[in-house]
Amino acid sequence: MPADETRNTLPAEWAFVVHLRPGALAEDGRMVGRVEHVASGRSVLFGSLPELVAFLGRVPRNLREDVEQGPSKEAR
């Protein structure tokens, strides 16, 4: 896939940075580190692959719900 197509199909709003601790090996079941959602800055420390995957699913869903609900009462 050409670079321009990749950039267009992978929006920055869906970008995450995963920082693994030394010795974290997925094939051995050792997934420990920190993950950050680039666009929002939300981050979490994780100690397992299921925790990492849960964050990857939760953040976009929460952001979508925030957009659908509109500004909070405090922001008005």
N, C-alpha and C. Protein backbone atom coordinates (compact mmCIF):
# COMPACT_ATOMS: atom_id res chain seq x y z
N MET A 1 0.86 -1.17 0.00
CA MET A 1 0.00 0.00 0.00
C MET A 1 0.91 1.24 0.00
N PRO A 2 0.68 2.19 -0.91
CA PRO A 2 1.48 3.41 -0.94
C PRO A 2 1.33 4.21 0.36
N ALA A 3 2.37 4.97 0.72
CA ALA A 3 2.39 5.72 1.97
C ALA A 3 1.20 6.67 2.09
N ASP A 4 0.81 7.35 1.00
CA ASP A 4 -0.31 8.28 1.05
C ASP A 4 -1.61 7.56 1.39
N GLU A 5 -1.81 6.37 0.85
CA GLU A 5 -3.02 5.60 1.16
C GLU A 5 -3.02 5.19 2.63
N THR A 6 -1.89 4.79 3.15
CA THR A 6 -1.79 4.40 4.55
C THR A 6 -2.14 5.58 5.44
N ARG A 7 -1.59 6.75 5.15
CA ARG A 7 -1.84 7.94 5.96
C ARG A 7 -3.33 8.28 5.95
N ASN A 8 -3.99 8.15 4.82
CA ASN A 8 -5.40 8.48 4.71
C ASN A 8 -6.29 7.45 5.41
N THR A 9 -5.88 6.21 5.45
CA THR A 9 -6.72 5.18 6.05
C THR A 9 -6.42 4.96 7.54
N LEU A 10 -5.34 5.57 8.05
CA LEU A 10 -4.97 5.42 9.45
C LEU A 10 -4.93 6.81 10.11
N PRO A 11 -6.10 7.33 10.50
CA PRO A 11 -6.14 8.68 11.07
C PRO A 11 -5.42 8.76 12.42
N ALA A 12 -4.84 9.90 12.71
CA ALA A 12 -4.09 10.12 13.94
C ALA A 12 -4.97 9.94 15.18
N GLU A 13 -6.26 10.16 15.06
CA GLU A 13 -7.16 10.00 16.20
C GLU A 13 -7.18 8.56 16.72
N TRP A 14 -6.69 7.64 15.92
CA TRP A 14 -6.67 6.23 16.31
C TRP A 14 -5.25 5.76 16.64
N ALA A 15 -4.32 6.69 16.85
CA ALA A 15 -2.93 6.32 17.12
C ALA A 15 -2.68 6.13 18.61
N PHE A 16 -1.92 5.10 18.93
CA PHE A 16 -1.53 4.79 20.30
C PHE A 16 -0.02 4.57 20.34
N VAL A 17 0.59 4.89 21.48
CA VAL A 17 1.99 4.57 21.71
C VAL A 17 2.01 3.52 22.81
N VAL A 18 2.69 2.42 22.54
CA VAL A 18 2.83 1.35 23.53
C VAL A 18 4.30 1.27 23.91
N HIS A 19 4.57 1.46 25.19
CA HIS A 19 5.92 1.41 25.71
C HIS A 19 6.02 0.18 26.60
N LEU A 20 6.82 -0.79 26.18
CA LEU A 20 6.95 -2.04 26.93
C LEU A 20 8.13 -1.97 27.89
N ARG A 21 7.96 -2.57 29.05
CA ARG A 21 9.05 -2.66 30.01
C ARG A 21 10.06 -3.69 29.51
N PRO A 22 11.33 -3.54 29.92
CA PRO A 22 12.33 -4.56 29.54
C PRO A 22 11.87 -5.94 30.01
N GLY A 23 12.02 -6.91 29.15
CA GLY A 23 11.62 -8.28 29.48
C GLY A 23 10.19 -8.62 29.15
N ALA A 24 9.42 -7.65 28.66
CA ALA A 24 8.03 -7.93 28.26
C ALA A 24 8.04 -8.72 26.96
N LEU A 25 7.55 -9.92 27.01
CA LEU A 25 7.53 -10.79 25.83
C LEU A 25 6.14 -11.36 25.65
N ALA A 26 5.48 -10.95 24.60
CA ALA A 26 4.11 -11.40 24.35
C ALA A 26 4.03 -12.92 24.23
N GLU A 27 5.00 -13.53 23.56
CA GLU A 27 4.93 -14.97 23.36
C GLU A 27 5.07 -15.75 24.67
N ASP A 28 5.63 -15.10 25.69
CA ASP A 28 5.74 -15.73 27.00
C ASP A 28 4.63 -15.27 27.95
N GLY A 29 3.72 -14.46 27.44
CA GLY A 29 2.61 -13.98 28.26
C GLY A 29 2.98 -12.85 29.20
N ARG A 30 4.13 -12.21 28.99
CA ARG A 30 4.58 -11.11 29.85
C ARG A 30 4.43 -9.79 29.10
N MET A 31 3.31 -9.16 29.26
CA MET A 31 3.05 -7.86 28.62
C MET A 31 2.87 -6.84 29.73
N VAL A 32 3.89 -6.03 29.96
CA VAL A 32 3.88 -5.04 31.01
C VAL A 32 4.41 -3.74 30.44
N GLY A 33 3.71 -2.65 30.71
CA GLY A 33 4.19 -1.36 30.21
C GLY A 33 3.15 -0.27 30.37
N ARG A 34 3.22 0.68 29.46
CA ARG A 34 2.33 1.84 29.46
C ARG A 34 1.84 2.07 28.05
N VAL A 35 0.57 2.46 27.93
CA VAL A 35 0.00 2.77 26.63
C VAL A 35 -0.65 4.14 26.71
N GLU A 36 -0.48 4.93 25.65
CA GLU A 36 -1.05 6.28 25.60
C GLU A 36 -1.79 6.48 24.29
N HIS A 37 -2.98 7.07 24.39
CA HIS A 37 -3.73 7.47 23.21
C HIS A 37 -3.19 8.83 22.80
N VAL A 38 -2.63 8.92 21.60
CA VAL A 38 -1.91 10.11 21.16
C VAL A 38 -2.80 11.35 21.14
N ALA A 39 -3.97 11.26 20.57
CA ALA A 39 -4.83 12.44 20.38
C ALA A 39 -5.35 13.01 21.70
N SER A 40 -5.69 12.15 22.66
CA SER A 40 -6.28 12.63 23.91
C SER A 40 -5.28 12.74 25.05
N GLY A 41 -4.16 12.02 24.95
CA GLY A 41 -3.19 12.01 26.03
C GLY A 41 -3.56 11.06 27.16
N ARG A 42 -4.68 10.38 27.05
CA ARG A 42 -5.07 9.41 28.09
C ARG A 42 -4.09 8.25 28.06
N SER A 43 -3.71 7.80 29.26
CA SER A 43 -2.75 6.71 29.33
C SER A 43 -3.04 5.82 30.53
N VAL A 44 -2.43 4.64 30.51
CA VAL A 44 -2.61 3.69 31.60
C VAL A 44 -1.40 2.75 31.63
N LEU A 45 -1.06 2.31 32.83
CA LEU A 45 -0.08 1.24 32.97
C LEU A 45 -0.83 -0.08 32.84
N PHE A 46 -0.25 -1.05 32.16
CA PHE A 46 -0.91 -2.35 32.02
C PHE A 46 0.05 -3.45 32.45
N GLY A 47 -0.52 -4.52 32.94
CA GLY A 47 0.27 -5.65 33.40
C GLY A 47 -0.01 -6.94 32.68
N SER A 48 -0.84 -6.85 31.64
CA SER A 48 -1.17 -8.05 30.87
C SER A 48 -1.71 -7.63 29.51
N LEU A 49 -1.70 -8.58 28.59
CA LEU A 49 -2.25 -8.32 27.26
C LEU A 49 -3.74 -7.97 27.32
N PRO A 50 -4.56 -8.67 28.14
CA PRO A 50 -5.97 -8.28 28.23
C PRO A 50 -6.17 -6.84 28.72
N GLU A 51 -5.33 -6.37 29.64
CA GLU A 51 -5.44 -4.98 30.11
C GLU A 51 -5.11 -4.00 28.98
N LEU A 52 -4.08 -4.32 28.20
CA LEU A 52 -3.71 -3.48 27.06
C LEU A 52 -4.85 -3.42 26.04
N VAL A 53 -5.39 -4.57 25.70
CA VAL A 53 -6.47 -4.64 24.71
C VAL A 53 -7.72 -3.92 25.22
N ALA A 54 -8.00 -4.02 26.52
CA ALA A 54 -9.16 -3.33 27.08
C ALA A 54 -9.02 -1.81 26.91
N PHE A 55 -7.83 -1.28 27.16
CA PHE A 55 -7.60 0.16 27.00
C PHE A 55 -7.75 0.55 25.53
N LEU A 56 -7.20 -0.25 24.63
CA LEU A 56 -7.30 0.05 23.20
C LEU A 56 -8.75 0.09 22.73
N GLY A 57 -9.63 -0.66 23.36
CA GLY A 57 -11.04 -0.64 23.01
C GLY A 57 -11.82 0.44 23.75
N ARG A 58 -11.44 0.68 25.00
CA ARG A 58 -12.19 1.61 25.85
C ARG A 58 -12.01 3.07 25.44
N VAL A 59 -10.81 3.50 25.13
CA VAL A 59 -10.55 4.92 24.86
C VAL A 59 -11.32 5.41 23.63
N PRO A 60 -11.24 4.76 22.48
CA PRO A 60 -12.03 5.25 21.34
C PRO A 60 -13.54 5.26 21.62
N ARG A 61 -14.02 4.25 22.35
CA ARG A 61 -15.45 4.20 22.68
C ARG A 61 -15.82 5.39 23.58
N ASN A 62 -15.01 5.68 24.59
CA ASN A 62 -15.27 6.81 25.48
C ASN A 62 -15.21 8.13 24.73
N LEU A 63 -14.25 8.28 23.83
CA LEU A 63 -14.15 9.52 23.06
C LEU A 63 -15.37 9.69 22.16
N ARG A 64 -15.83 8.61 21.55
CA ARG A 64 -17.02 8.67 20.69
C ARG A 64 -18.23 9.08 21.51
N GLU A 65 -18.38 8.51 22.72
CA GLU A 65 -19.51 8.86 23.59
C GLU A 65 -19.43 10.33 23.99
N ASP A 66 -18.22 10.84 24.28
CA ASP A 66 -18.06 12.26 24.64
C ASP A 66 -18.53 13.16 23.51
N VAL A 67 -18.18 12.81 22.28
CA VAL A 67 -18.58 13.61 21.11
C VAL A 67 -20.08 13.57 20.94
N GLU A 68 -20.68 12.38 21.08
CA GLU A 68 -22.13 12.24 20.90
C GLU A 68 -22.93 12.99 21.95
N GLN A 69 -22.40 13.08 23.19
CA GLN A 69 -23.11 13.75 24.28
C GLN A 69 -22.92 15.26 24.23
N GLY A 70 -21.92 15.74 23.54
CA GLY A 70 -21.67 17.17 23.48
C GLY A 70 -20.93 17.66 24.70
N PRO A 71 -20.74 18.98 24.79
CA PRO A 71 -20.00 19.55 25.92
C PRO A 71 -20.69 19.26 27.25
N SER A 72 -19.88 19.06 28.29
CA SER A 72 -20.44 18.82 29.61
C SER A 72 -20.98 20.13 30.19
N LYS A 73 -21.78 20.01 31.26
CA LYS A 73 -22.35 21.21 31.88
C LYS A 73 -21.26 22.15 32.39
N GLU A 74 -20.14 21.59 32.90
CA GLU A 74 -19.06 22.45 33.39
C GLU A 74 -18.45 23.27 32.27
N ALA A 75 -18.42 22.74 31.05
CA ALA A 75 -17.78 23.43 29.93
C ALA A 75 -18.68 24.49 29.33
N ARG A 76 -19.95 24.47 29.67
CA ARG A 76 -20.89 25.44 29.07
C ARG A 76 -20.85 26.76 29.76
